[in-house]
């Protein structure tokens, strides 16, 4: 752009209503402007300072320093002013020169198509930022409208920020405008380039003071590391200016909730924290709020129930023996116990045309109290139904909480289509098979008699089990490694997984822990069927079907 630098002097174009248009050129610019303006149908006029043309209303001034006193003088007189970048770009593209509006100088078109409004800036900063937007071909609105494209702000606090995010508008840091202005002499530069916009998006914790409470030490450290790079400040709960108190609400059962540090502080779950990172904006606190104020664990429990759509499935470790007590008091290898199943809150009905969800729930919850009146065979069959229903819910959680949201986002910073297919592609067939199995078990167990053909259910499903399980198990290791790699290398995906893990339906289980359940399931079923077989008379019609079902599952597991 050195060829278009005029050392602060002026070049004038005359857009007279009659006669040929005229351009006034600074005599010291070495003829560079003459060569450029030769491409336009204008007459170039020569002047030392252009003062003799100040009284002519149809003169356009070319100025390369929009911060000089000379420029301010011209602008105050509402003269039409262009910058050299506009001239260069029009000449290069063989376009006509634009006629700038009075009192709306145009230096370049870096912000063409941009319409901004601002919030939270000082009066002087607002005046400066909005002037630069105009200089670069952008527009300004006093408030958000359907035509506004971007909001300028320094903090994610306030109703205007929430309104912008809700309307899908991008919120930018003022540095976006400043750096764009620094590049004003670069031809054809754009403030809307994806990389440039991404660099200056207002980070999700800008201006926030965040305190963490109730998390284990490693998680506190991990979350604390995320705060500063995203514009926030990690502060202790005693800080009187805390804006957000993030609480591990699932760790607050039976514990007193801390008092709010101040009246304006948001008390939110960890899901708010991770969703904000995943989305790149400060998530709406109202969706993740927890009431503080020393209310004991009740508030946390209320929030947990409010957020729950499905109760998570506890994982089923492979067992060498089974206890007849249906309420297992402990689990192996860190997996959750079956007690979680009995307190589940399932919102989706099983595909059963006889019993409602409430009926099935009541049946399962009431079974421990009636276990003394049940036969040993009935008790084991009831446990088989419990674990099968529980397993179906795990598969639904994998699809509803993880797979479907990822697919709907269409964001390769989360997962690509091929990654989605490798990690989740084998789950829908598993769910379809086990929903049918669960449907039949519900009808048999709910209308109990000792002759109910439990083995027949699994024998009938043997071909489908043989179709869906080997492909899942054979690809599981590759899917698990890909999942871990994406978790490690994709920050947005990591935040998505952490947000899901904080939800009550997942009960802290990671996606890897949920995905291993199909690997374990048939081994667990086989042990239960063997236990049922032990408690089935040889004269029972189900005896032989149980034997065949066990053999068929062994075939699948080979």
Protein backbone atom coordinates (compact mmCIF):
# COMPACT_ATOMS: atom_id res chain seq x y z
CA UNK A 1 0.00 0.00 0.00
CA UNK A 2 3.00 2.31 -0.09
CA UNK A 3 1.94 3.44 -3.54
CA UNK A 4 -1.21 4.91 -2.02
CA UNK A 5 0.34 6.74 0.91
CA UNK A 6 0.01 10.51 0.65
CA UNK A 7 1.83 11.70 3.76
CA UNK A 8 -1.31 13.10 5.30
CA UNK A 9 -2.18 15.36 2.39
CA UNK A 10 -5.30 15.17 0.33
CA UNK A 11 -6.39 14.08 -3.09
CA UNK A 12 -9.79 15.25 -4.21
CA UNK A 13 -12.27 13.84 -6.69
CA UNK A 14 -14.95 16.19 -7.97
CA UNK A 15 -18.29 14.51 -8.63
CA UNK A 16 -19.82 17.59 -10.21
CA UNK A 17 -23.39 17.37 -11.41
CA UNK A 18 -22.40 18.76 -14.80
CA UNK A 19 -19.29 18.34 -16.87
CA UNK A 20 -16.62 15.65 -16.44
CA UNK A 21 -15.85 14.58 -12.87
CA UNK A 22 -12.65 15.95 -11.43
CA UNK A 23 -10.06 14.55 -9.01
CA UNK A 24 -7.72 16.77 -7.02
CA UNK A 25 -4.34 15.18 -6.33
CA UNK A 26 -1.61 16.14 -3.90
CA UNK A 27 1.32 17.33 -5.99
CA UNK A 28 3.88 15.56 -3.80
CA UNK A 29 2.62 12.02 -4.19
CA UNK A 30 4.82 11.24 -7.19
CA UNK A 31 1.94 10.53 -9.57
CA UNK A 32 0.86 7.29 -7.87
CA UNK A 33 -2.69 8.49 -7.36
CA UNK A 34 -2.78 9.70 -10.98
CA UNK A 35 -1.99 6.21 -12.19
CA UNK A 36 -4.68 4.69 -9.97
CA UNK A 37 -7.35 7.24 -10.81
CA UNK A 38 -6.61 6.83 -14.48
CA UNK A 39 -8.79 3.74 -14.27
CA UNK A 40 -11.79 5.85 -13.24
CA UNK A 41 -13.81 8.35 -15.25
CA UNK A 42 -12.75 11.27 -13.10
CA UNK A 43 -10.54 14.29 -13.59
CA UNK A 44 -7.64 14.51 -11.18
CA UNK A 45 -7.12 17.98 -9.75
CA UNK A 46 -3.95 19.14 -8.08
CA UNK A 47 -3.80 20.98 -4.77
CA UNK A 48 -1.29 21.48 -2.00
CA UNK A 49 -3.77 21.22 0.87
CA UNK A 50 -7.19 21.26 -0.76
CA UNK A 51 -8.41 24.31 1.10
CA UNK A 52 -9.54 26.01 -2.08
CA UNK A 53 -12.13 23.23 -2.53
CA UNK A 54 -13.65 23.31 0.95
CA UNK A 55 -16.60 25.36 -0.24
CA UNK A 56 -17.42 22.92 -3.03
CA UNK A 57 -19.99 20.40 -1.82
CA UNK A 58 -19.40 17.77 -4.49
CA UNK A 59 -15.71 17.17 -3.82
CA UNK A 60 -14.48 13.86 -2.41
CA UNK A 61 -11.28 13.87 -0.39
CA UNK A 62 -8.76 11.08 -0.24
CA UNK A 63 -7.03 10.83 3.12
CA UNK A 64 -4.68 8.13 4.35
CA UNK A 65 -4.74 9.08 8.04
CA UNK A 66 -8.17 8.98 9.61
CA UNK A 67 -6.73 9.91 12.99
CA UNK A 68 -5.08 13.20 11.95
CA UNK A 69 -6.27 16.68 12.83
CA UNK A 70 -6.70 17.42 9.12
CA UNK A 71 -9.05 14.48 8.78
CA UNK A 72 -11.00 15.56 11.88
CA UNK A 73 -11.36 19.03 10.39
CA UNK A 74 -12.73 17.66 7.13
CA UNK A 75 -15.02 15.24 8.93
CA UNK A 76 -16.35 18.04 11.15
CA UNK A 77 -17.25 19.94 7.98
CA UNK A 78 -19.16 16.84 6.79
CA UNK A 79 -16.97 16.35 3.75
CA UNK A 80 -17.01 13.16 1.74
CA UNK A 81 -13.82 11.23 2.52
CA UNK A 82 -12.32 8.01 1.13
CA UNK A 83 -9.33 6.01 2.25
CA UNK A 84 -6.63 4.65 -0.11
CA UNK A 85 -7.63 1.00 0.34
CA UNK A 86 -11.03 1.64 -1.23
CA UNK A 87 -9.32 3.26 -4.21
CA UNK A 88 -6.89 0.36 -4.58
CA UNK A 89 -9.58 -2.30 -4.41
CA UNK A 90 -11.87 -0.51 -6.88
CA UNK A 91 -9.02 0.02 -9.31
CA UNK A 92 -7.89 -3.60 -9.03
CA UNK A 93 -11.42 -4.88 -9.59
CA UNK A 94 -12.23 -2.30 -12.31
CA UNK A 95 -15.15 -1.03 -10.26
CA UNK A 96 -16.45 2.49 -10.03
CA UNK A 97 -15.44 4.55 -7.05
CA UNK A 98 -18.16 4.76 -4.38
CA UNK A 99 -19.58 8.11 -3.42
CA UNK A 100 -19.28 8.16 0.39
CA UNK A 101 -22.00 9.67 2.53
CA UNK A 102 -21.37 12.98 4.20
CA UNK A 103 -19.95 12.54 7.69
CA UNK A 104 -19.44 8.81 6.97
CA UNK A 105 -15.79 8.45 5.86
CA UNK A 106 -14.94 5.14 4.20
CA UNK A 107 -11.40 3.82 4.46
CA UNK A 108 -11.91 0.19 3.47
CA UNK A 109 -14.56 -2.51 3.24
CA UNK A 110 -13.18 -4.86 5.90
CA UNK A 111 -16.48 -4.74 7.79
CA UNK A 112 -18.83 -4.74 4.85
CA UNK A 113 -21.90 -6.77 5.82
CA UNK A 114 -21.29 -6.26 9.55
CA UNK A 115 -23.92 -4.59 11.73
CA UNK A 116 -22.96 -4.16 15.37
CA UNK A 117 -24.32 -2.93 18.64
CA UNK A 118 -22.48 -2.78 21.92
CA UNK A 119 -22.94 -3.17 25.64
CA UNK A 120 -20.87 -2.54 28.73
CA UNK A 121 -18.32 -0.21 27.09
CA UNK A 122 -17.50 3.27 28.34
CA UNK A 123 -18.88 6.24 26.45
CA UNK A 124 -15.51 7.15 24.92
CA UNK A 125 -14.74 3.53 23.99
CA UNK A 126 -18.16 3.16 22.39
CA UNK A 127 -17.62 6.30 20.31
CA UNK A 128 -14.18 5.09 19.18
CA UNK A 129 -15.24 1.51 18.33
CA UNK A 130 -18.35 2.52 16.44
CA UNK A 131 -16.41 5.11 14.43
CA UNK A 132 -13.94 2.42 13.33
CA UNK A 133 -16.81 0.16 12.29
CA UNK A 134 -18.16 2.93 10.07
CA UNK A 135 -14.69 3.66 8.63
CA UNK A 136 -14.49 -0.01 7.55
CA UNK A 137 -17.87 -0.10 5.84
CA UNK A 138 -19.90 -1.55 8.69
CA UNK A 139 -23.17 -0.40 10.23
CA UNK A 140 -24.20 0.37 13.80
CA UNK A 141 -27.46 -0.11 15.70
CA UNK A 142 -28.39 1.19 19.12
CA UNK A 143 -29.80 -2.19 20.13
CA UNK A 144 -30.30 -5.69 18.80
CA UNK A 145 -32.45 -6.00 15.69
CA UNK A 146 -33.01 -8.70 13.11
CA UNK A 147 -30.40 -6.96 10.94
CA UNK A 148 -27.72 -6.86 13.62
CA UNK A 149 -24.97 -9.43 13.11
CA UNK A 150 -22.56 -8.94 16.01
CA UNK A 151 -22.50 -7.53 19.51
CA UNK A 152 -19.38 -5.87 20.95
CA UNK A 153 -18.77 -6.46 24.67
CA UNK A 154 -16.03 -7.08 27.24
CA UNK A 155 -18.01 -9.29 29.60
CA UNK A 156 -20.55 -12.09 29.33
CA UNK A 157 -22.65 -10.59 32.11
CA UNK A 158 -25.92 -8.78 31.55
CA UNK A 159 -29.27 -9.12 29.83
CA UNK A 160 -28.02 -7.77 26.49
CA UNK A 161 -25.43 -10.54 26.29
CA UNK A 162 -28.05 -13.17 27.09
CA UNK A 163 -30.37 -11.67 24.48
CA UNK A 164 -27.62 -11.78 21.85
CA UNK A 165 -26.74 -15.40 22.59
CA UNK A 166 -30.40 -16.41 22.57
CA UNK A 167 -30.82 -14.74 19.18
CA UNK A 168 -27.82 -16.60 17.80
CA UNK A 169 -25.71 -13.45 17.37
CA UNK A 170 -21.94 -13.61 17.69
CA UNK A 171 -20.53 -11.61 20.60
CA UNK A 172 -17.12 -10.12 19.88
CA UNK A 173 -14.40 -8.57 22.00
CA UNK A 174 -13.54 -4.95 21.05
CA UNK A 175 -10.11 -6.22 19.96
CA UNK A 176 -11.90 -7.67 16.91
CA UNK A 177 -12.57 -4.14 15.64
CA UNK A 178 -9.16 -2.83 16.71
CA UNK A 179 -7.19 -5.56 14.94
CA UNK A 180 -9.35 -5.24 11.86
CA UNK A 181 -8.50 -1.53 11.78
CA UNK A 182 -4.79 -2.34 12.10
CA UNK A 183 -5.17 -4.34 8.88
CA UNK A 184 -7.02 -1.55 7.07
CA UNK A 185 -4.29 -1.23 4.43
CA UNK A 186 -4.44 -4.91 3.49
CA UNK A 187 -6.56 -5.17 0.34
CA UNK A 188 -9.63 -7.41 0.42
CA UNK A 189 -9.26 -8.30 4.10
CA UNK A 190 -12.47 -9.22 5.89
CA UNK A 191 -13.53 -9.09 9.51
CA UNK A 192 -15.80 -12.05 8.77
CA UNK A 193 -13.14 -14.62 7.93
CA UNK A 194 -13.76 -17.71 10.06
CA UNK A 195 -10.32 -17.78 11.68
CA UNK A 196 -10.37 -14.06 12.43
CA UNK A 197 -13.84 -14.21 13.99
CA UNK A 198 -12.93 -17.28 16.04
CA UNK A 199 -9.87 -15.49 17.41
CA UNK A 200 -11.91 -12.59 18.76
CA UNK A 201 -15.15 -14.22 19.92
CA UNK A 202 -15.87 -13.20 23.48
CA UNK A 203 -14.70 -16.14 25.58
CA UNK A 204 -17.39 -17.83 27.70
CA UNK A 205 -16.04 -16.74 31.10
CA UNK A 206 -14.94 -13.18 30.25
CA UNK A 207 -15.45 -10.93 33.25
CA UNK A 208 -16.58 -13.76 35.56
CA UNK A 209 -15.19 -14.65 38.96
CA UNK A 210 -15.79 -18.36 39.42
CA UNK A 211 -15.60 -20.39 42.64
CA UNK A 212 -15.72 -24.21 42.71
CA UNK A 213 -17.23 -26.18 45.60
CA UNK A 214 -17.73 -29.83 46.46
CA UNK A 215 -15.50 -31.37 43.77
CA UNK A 216 -12.76 -33.88 44.39
CA UNK A 217 -9.28 -32.37 44.34
CA UNK A 218 -8.31 -33.62 40.87
CA UNK A 219 -11.53 -32.32 39.31
CA UNK A 220 -11.15 -28.96 41.05
CA UNK A 221 -7.67 -28.64 39.58
CA UNK A 222 -8.83 -29.68 36.11
CA UNK A 223 -11.73 -27.22 36.10
CA UNK A 224 -9.59 -24.45 37.56
CA UNK A 225 -7.15 -24.82 34.66
CA UNK A 226 -9.96 -24.04 32.20
CA UNK A 227 -11.09 -20.76 33.75
CA UNK A 228 -8.28 -18.26 33.03
CA UNK A 229 -7.74 -19.19 29.34
CA UNK A 230 -11.46 -18.60 28.81
CA UNK A 231 -11.40 -15.11 30.30
CA UNK A 232 -12.48 -15.83 33.88
CA UNK A 233 -10.84 -15.67 37.28
CA UNK A 234 -10.66 -18.67 39.61
CA UNK A 235 -11.45 -17.39 43.10
CA UNK A 236 -12.19 -18.94 46.52
CA UNK A 237 -15.75 -19.13 47.72
CA UNK A 238 -14.91 -16.45 50.29
CA UNK A 239 -14.34 -13.86 47.57
CA UNK A 240 -17.10 -11.24 48.03
CA UNK A 241 -17.22 -10.56 44.28
CA UNK A 242 -17.89 -14.12 43.14
CA UNK A 243 -20.17 -14.07 40.11
CA UNK A 244 -20.64 -17.84 39.77
CA UNK A 245 -20.48 -20.54 42.41
CA UNK A 246 -20.18 -23.92 40.68
CA UNK A 247 -21.23 -26.85 42.86
CA UNK A 248 -20.89 -30.60 42.40
CA UNK A 249 -24.54 -31.12 43.30
CA UNK A 250 -24.34 -34.91 43.05
CA UNK A 251 -21.78 -34.80 45.85
CA UNK A 252 -24.04 -32.71 48.08
CA UNK A 253 -26.58 -35.33 49.09
CA UNK A 254 -27.10 -34.98 52.83
CA UNK A 255 -24.74 -32.01 53.01
CA UNK A 256 -25.49 -28.37 53.63
CA UNK A 257 -25.42 -26.09 50.62
CA UNK A 258 -23.02 -23.16 51.07
CA UNK A 259 -24.40 -19.66 51.51
CA UNK A 260 -24.38 -17.43 48.43
CA UNK A 261 -21.33 -15.14 48.57
CA UNK A 262 -23.49 -12.20 47.47
CA UNK A 263 -27.00 -11.51 46.28
CA UNK A 264 -26.15 -11.44 42.58
CA UNK A 265 -24.03 -14.61 42.51
CA UNK A 266 -25.27 -17.46 40.31
CA UNK A 267 -25.17 -20.87 42.03
CA UNK A 268 -24.96 -23.44 39.25
CA UNK A 269 -24.14 -27.08 38.55
CA UNK A 270 -20.96 -28.33 36.91
CA UNK A 271 -22.98 -28.93 33.76
CA UNK A 272 -23.23 -25.14 33.29
CA UNK A 273 -19.44 -24.96 33.41
CA UNK A 274 -18.81 -27.64 30.79
CA UNK A 275 -21.70 -26.67 28.50
CA UNK A 276 -20.34 -23.10 28.43
CA UNK A 277 -16.95 -24.40 27.29
CA UNK A 278 -18.49 -26.72 24.73
CA UNK A 279 -20.72 -24.04 23.19
CA UNK A 280 -18.15 -21.25 23.44
CA UNK A 281 -20.65 -18.94 25.17
CA UNK A 282 -21.71 -18.41 28.76
CA UNK A 283 -24.61 -20.84 29.12
CA UNK A 284 -27.92 -19.60 30.53
CA UNK A 285 -27.56 -19.93 34.28
CA UNK A 286 -31.31 -20.33 34.74
CA UNK A 287 -31.10 -23.79 33.16
CA UNK A 288 -28.48 -25.03 35.62
CA UNK A 289 -29.21 -23.10 38.80
CA UNK A 290 -28.96 -24.44 42.34
CA UNK A 291 -30.26 -22.40 45.21
CA UNK A 292 -27.68 -21.75 47.90
CA UNK A 293 -28.27 -20.56 51.39
CA UNK A 294 -27.65 -23.46 53.72
CA UNK A 295 -30.72 -25.41 52.65
CA UNK A 296 -29.10 -28.78 53.20
CA UNK A 297 -28.99 -31.34 50.43
CA UNK A 298 -32.63 -30.82 49.48
CA UNK A 299 -31.94 -28.20 46.84
CA UNK A 300 -29.35 -30.40 45.20
CA UNK A 301 -31.73 -33.33 45.24
CA UNK A 302 -34.51 -31.25 43.74
CA UNK A 303 -32.21 -30.11 40.98
CA UNK A 304 -31.06 -33.67 40.38
CA UNK A 305 -34.62 -34.86 39.95
CA UNK A 306 -35.49 -31.89 37.78
CA UNK A 307 -32.65 -32.56 35.36
CA UNK A 308 -33.17 -36.30 35.19
CA UNK A 309 -34.88 -37.77 32.16
CA UNK A 310 -33.60 -41.31 32.62
CA UNK A 311 -32.00 -43.02 35.52
CA UNK A 312 -28.61 -44.40 34.63
CA UNK A 313 -27.99 -48.03 34.32
CA UNK A 314 -25.53 -49.34 36.81
CA UNK A 315 -22.87 -51.43 35.20
CA UNK A 316 -23.04 -55.16 35.66
CA UNK A 317 -19.74 -56.80 36.54
CA UNK A 318 -19.35 -60.40 35.46
CA UNK A 319 -20.07 -62.57 38.47
CA UNK A 320 -18.97 -66.03 39.46
CA UNK A 321 -21.84 -66.33 41.92
CA UNK A 322 -25.09 -64.54 42.61
CA UNK A 323 -26.61 -63.38 45.85
CA UNK A 324 -30.35 -63.88 46.03
CA UNK A 325 -30.87 -60.50 47.67
CA UNK A 326 -32.23 -58.33 44.87
CA UNK A 327 -30.89 -55.15 46.43
CA UNK A 328 -27.18 -55.63 46.00
CA UNK A 329 -25.40 -53.55 48.56
CA UNK A 330 -22.09 -53.30 46.74
CA UNK A 331 -20.51 -53.61 43.31
CA UNK A 332 -17.27 -54.78 41.85
CA UNK A 333 -14.53 -52.86 40.06
CA UNK A 334 -16.06 -49.50 40.90
CA UNK A 335 -19.32 -50.05 39.00
CA UNK A 336 -22.56 -48.75 40.45
CA UNK A 337 -24.83 -51.10 42.36
CA UNK A 338 -28.32 -52.21 41.38
CA UNK A 339 -29.77 -49.89 44.01
CA UNK A 340 -29.64 -47.09 41.46
CA UNK A 341 -32.15 -48.97 39.35
CA UNK A 342 -34.76 -49.02 42.09
CA UNK A 343 -34.69 -45.23 42.45
CA UNK A 344 -34.80 -44.57 38.72
CA UNK A 345 -37.22 -42.11 37.17
CA UNK A 346 -37.91 -43.42 33.69
CA UNK A 347 -39.77 -41.02 31.43
CA UNK A 348 -40.12 -43.35 28.46
CA UNK A 349 -42.48 -46.31 28.52
CA UNK A 350 -41.32 -49.75 27.58
CA UNK A 351 -42.96 -51.12 24.44
CA UNK A 352 -45.60 -52.97 26.46
CA UNK A 353 -49.28 -52.71 25.64
CA UNK A 354 -50.48 -54.17 28.94
CA UNK A 355 -48.54 -52.33 31.62
CA UNK A 356 -47.75 -48.68 31.97
CA UNK A 357 -44.34 -47.42 33.06
CA UNK A 358 -45.71 -46.75 36.55
CA UNK A 359 -46.97 -50.32 36.76
CA UNK A 360 -43.58 -51.74 35.81
CA UNK A 361 -41.82 -49.35 38.17
CA UNK A 362 -44.09 -50.38 41.02
CA UNK A 363 -43.53 -54.03 40.24
CA UNK A 364 -39.75 -53.72 40.34
CA UNK A 365 -39.64 -51.49 43.39
CA UNK A 366 -42.04 -53.71 45.29
CA UNK A 367 -40.25 -56.96 44.46
CA UNK A 368 -37.65 -56.79 47.29
CA UNK A 369 -40.40 -56.42 49.86
CA UNK A 370 -42.17 -59.49 48.45
CA UNK A 371 -39.03 -61.54 47.88
CA UNK A 372 -39.81 -63.69 50.91
CA UNK A 373 -43.03 -64.84 49.25
CA UNK A 374 -41.41 -65.47 45.88
CA UNK A 375 -39.99 -68.76 44.74
CA UNK A 376 -36.25 -68.86 44.13
CA UNK A 377 -36.89 -69.15 40.41
CA UNK A 378 -39.16 -66.11 40.44
CA UNK A 379 -36.59 -64.06 42.34
CA UNK A 380 -33.88 -64.78 39.79
CA UNK A 381 -36.26 -64.08 36.92
CA UNK A 382 -37.17 -60.78 38.54
CA UNK A 383 -33.48 -59.91 38.77
CA UNK A 384 -33.07 -60.83 35.10
CA UNK A 385 -35.87 -58.40 34.24
CA UNK A 386 -34.35 -55.70 36.45
CA UNK A 387 -30.95 -55.96 34.83
CA UNK A 388 -32.41 -56.19 31.33
CA UNK A 389 -34.53 -53.09 31.82
CA UNK A 390 -31.53 -51.38 33.34
CA UNK A 391 -29.37 -52.34 30.35
CA UNK A 392 -31.95 -51.02 27.89
CA UNK A 393 -31.88 -47.69 29.71
CA UNK A 394 -28.08 -47.57 29.41
CA UNK A 395 -28.33 -48.00 25.65
CA UNK A 396 -31.00 -45.29 25.48
CA UNK A 397 -28.79 -42.95 27.48
CA UNK A 398 -25.90 -43.54 25.09
CA UNK A 399 -28.12 -42.62 22.16
CA UNK A 400 -30.22 -39.82 23.69
CA UNK A 401 -27.56 -38.12 25.80
CA UNK A 402 -24.51 -38.60 23.58
CA UNK A 403 -25.10 -39.78 20.00
CA UNK A 404 -28.18 -37.79 18.98
CA UNK A 405 -26.99 -34.40 20.31
CA UNK A 406 -23.63 -34.88 18.61
CA UNK A 407 -25.33 -35.72 15.32
CA UNK A 408 -27.62 -32.70 15.52
CA UNK A 409 -24.76 -30.27 16.09
CA UNK A 410 -22.99 -31.08 12.79
CA UNK A 411 -19.74 -29.83 14.30
CA UNK A 412 -16.53 -31.59 13.32
CA UNK A 413 -14.78 -29.93 16.26
CA UNK A 414 -16.86 -32.40 18.27
CA UNK A 415 -16.89 -35.53 16.09
CA UNK A 416 -16.79 -36.17 12.37
CA UNK A 417 -19.38 -38.41 10.73
CA UNK A 418 -16.91 -41.27 10.49
CA UNK A 419 -15.99 -40.91 14.17
CA UNK A 420 -19.67 -40.89 15.15
CA UNK A 421 -20.23 -44.04 13.13
CA UNK A 422 -17.30 -45.92 14.64
CA UNK A 423 -18.15 -44.99 18.23
CA UNK A 424 -21.96 -45.23 18.17
CA UNK A 425 -22.92 -47.06 14.99
CA UNK A 426 -23.35 -50.49 16.64
CA UNK A 427 -25.61 -49.28 19.48
CA UNK A 428 -29.01 -48.87 17.71
CA UNK A 429 -29.18 -52.54 16.61
CA UNK A 430 -28.36 -53.64 20.17
CA UNK A 431 -31.13 -51.45 21.56
CA UNK A 432 -33.70 -52.77 19.09
CA UNK A 433 -32.96 -56.40 20.03
CA UNK A 434 -33.01 -55.81 23.78
CA UNK A 435 -36.16 -53.68 23.74
CA UNK A 436 -37.95 -56.68 22.27
CA UNK A 437 -36.43 -58.99 24.88
CA UNK A 438 -37.39 -56.62 27.67
CA UNK A 439 -40.92 -56.36 26.31
CA UNK A 440 -41.38 -60.14 26.46
CA UNK A 441 -39.77 -60.48 29.88
CA UNK A 442 -42.08 -57.82 31.31
CA UNK A 443 -45.16 -59.71 30.17
CA UNK A 444 -43.89 -63.04 31.48
CA UNK A 445 -42.65 -61.83 34.87
CA UNK A 446 -45.64 -59.57 35.45
CA UNK A 447 -48.02 -62.52 34.86
CA UNK A 448 -45.95 -64.93 36.82
CA UNK A 449 -46.24 -68.67 36.99
CA UNK A 450 -43.43 -71.22 37.37
CA UNK A 451 -44.00 -72.44 33.79
CA UNK A 452 -43.32 -69.09 32.16
CA UNK A 453 -40.84 -69.79 29.28
CA UNK A 454 -38.01 -67.42 30.19
CA UNK A 455 -35.51 -69.46 28.20
CA UNK A 456 -37.68 -69.23 25.12
CA UNK A 457 -37.31 -65.44 25.09
CA UNK A 458 -33.54 -65.70 24.74
CA UNK A 459 -33.68 -68.65 22.40
CA UNK A 460 -36.01 -66.71 20.12
CA UNK A 461 -33.57 -63.79 20.10
CA UNK A 462 -30.49 -65.96 19.52
CA UNK A 463 -30.18 -65.24 15.81
CA UNK A 464 -30.46 -61.48 16.36
CA UNK A 465 -27.95 -61.61 19.21
CA UNK A 466 -25.55 -63.47 16.92
CA UNK A 467 -26.03 -60.74 14.31
CA UNK A 468 -25.43 -57.67 16.49
CA UNK A 469 -22.96 -58.65 19.21
CA UNK A 470 -19.86 -59.94 17.39
CA UNK A 471 -19.65 -56.77 15.27
CA UNK A 472 -19.90 -54.58 18.38
CA UNK A 473 -17.37 -56.54 20.42
CA UNK A 474 -14.91 -56.79 17.51
CA UNK A 475 -14.95 -53.01 16.99
CA UNK A 476 -15.10 -52.06 20.66
CA UNK A 477 -11.36 -51.65 21.25
CA UNK A 478 -10.98 -49.43 18.18
CA UNK A 479 -14.02 -47.38 19.20
CA UNK A 480 -12.70 -47.00 22.74
CA UNK A 481 -9.27 -45.84 21.58
CA UNK A 482 -10.82 -43.38 19.13
CA UNK A 483 -13.06 -42.04 21.88
CA UNK A 484 -10.10 -41.52 24.20
CA UNK A 485 -8.10 -39.86 21.43
CA UNK A 486 -10.92 -37.44 20.58
CA UNK A 487 -11.41 -36.70 24.26
CA UNK A 488 -7.72 -35.88 24.55
CA UNK A 489 -7.33 -33.80 21.37
CA UNK A 490 -10.70 -32.06 20.92
CA UNK A 491 -11.42 -29.50 23.69
CA UNK A 492 -15.07 -28.99 22.69
CA UNK A 493 -15.69 -32.73 22.66
CA UNK A 494 -14.01 -33.08 26.06
CA UNK A 495 -16.30 -30.37 27.43
CA UNK A 496 -19.34 -32.11 25.90
CA UNK A 497 -18.41 -35.40 27.59
CA UNK A 498 -17.81 -33.68 30.94
CA UNK A 499 -21.17 -31.91 30.72
CA UNK A 500 -22.95 -35.19 30.00
CA UNK A 501 -21.13 -36.91 32.84
CA UNK A 502 -22.45 -34.35 35.33
CA UNK A 503 -26.07 -35.11 34.44
CA UNK A 504 -28.06 -37.19 36.86
CA UNK A 505 -28.95 -39.82 34.27
CA UNK A 506 -25.26 -40.66 33.82
CA UNK A 507 -24.43 -40.61 37.55
CA UNK A 508 -20.77 -39.76 36.90
CA UNK A 509 -20.24 -42.67 34.53
CA UNK A 510 -18.09 -41.79 31.54
CA UNK A 511 -19.07 -42.68 28.00
CA UNK A 512 -16.37 -45.36 27.95
CA UNK A 513 -17.88 -46.91 31.08
CA UNK A 514 -21.31 -46.91 29.49
CA UNK A 515 -20.07 -48.35 26.21
CA UNK A 516 -18.43 -51.31 27.94
CA UNK A 517 -21.83 -52.50 29.16
CA UNK A 518 -22.66 -54.43 25.96
CA UNK A 519 -19.33 -56.23 26.29
CA UNK A 520 -20.41 -57.40 29.76
CA UNK A 521 -24.10 -57.98 29.17
CA UNK A 522 -24.29 -61.45 27.61
CA UNK A 523 -21.88 -62.90 30.16
CA UNK A 524 -24.12 -61.57 32.91
CA UNK A 525 -27.23 -62.95 31.17
CA UNK A 526 -25.59 -66.34 30.83
CA UNK A 527 -24.88 -66.50 34.56
CA UNK A 528 -28.46 -65.52 35.40
CA UNK A 529 -29.92 -68.09 33.01
CA UNK A 530 -27.71 -70.77 34.57
CA UNK A 531 -28.99 -69.71 37.99
CA UNK A 532 -32.58 -69.90 36.75
CA UNK A 533 -31.83 -73.34 35.31
CA UNK A 534 -30.63 -74.55 38.71
CA UNK A 535 -33.98 -73.51 40.18
CA UNK A 536 -36.10 -75.03 37.42
CA UNK A 537 -37.45 -78.57 37.65
CA UNK A 538 -36.48 -80.86 34.80
CA UNK A 539 -40.18 -81.50 34.26
CA UNK A 540 -40.72 -77.78 33.60
CA UNK A 541 -41.12 -77.04 29.89
CA UNK A 542 -38.69 -74.15 30.29
CA UNK A 543 -35.83 -76.42 31.41
CA UNK A 544 -34.76 -77.54 27.95
CA UNK A 545 -35.29 -74.07 26.47
CA UNK A 546 -33.03 -72.59 29.14
CA UNK A 547 -30.32 -75.11 28.27
CA UNK A 548 -30.58 -74.24 24.59
CA UNK A 549 -30.60 -70.50 25.35
CA UNK A 550 -27.42 -70.83 27.44
CA UNK A 551 -25.74 -72.74 24.62
CA UNK A 552 -26.80 -70.14 22.06
CA UNK A 553 -25.33 -67.33 24.16
CA UNK A 554 -22.11 -69.29 24.57
CA UNK A 555 -21.99 -69.47 20.79
CA UNK A 556 -22.31 -65.71 20.53
CA UNK A 557 -19.53 -65.20 23.07
CA UNK A 558 -17.03 -67.46 21.28
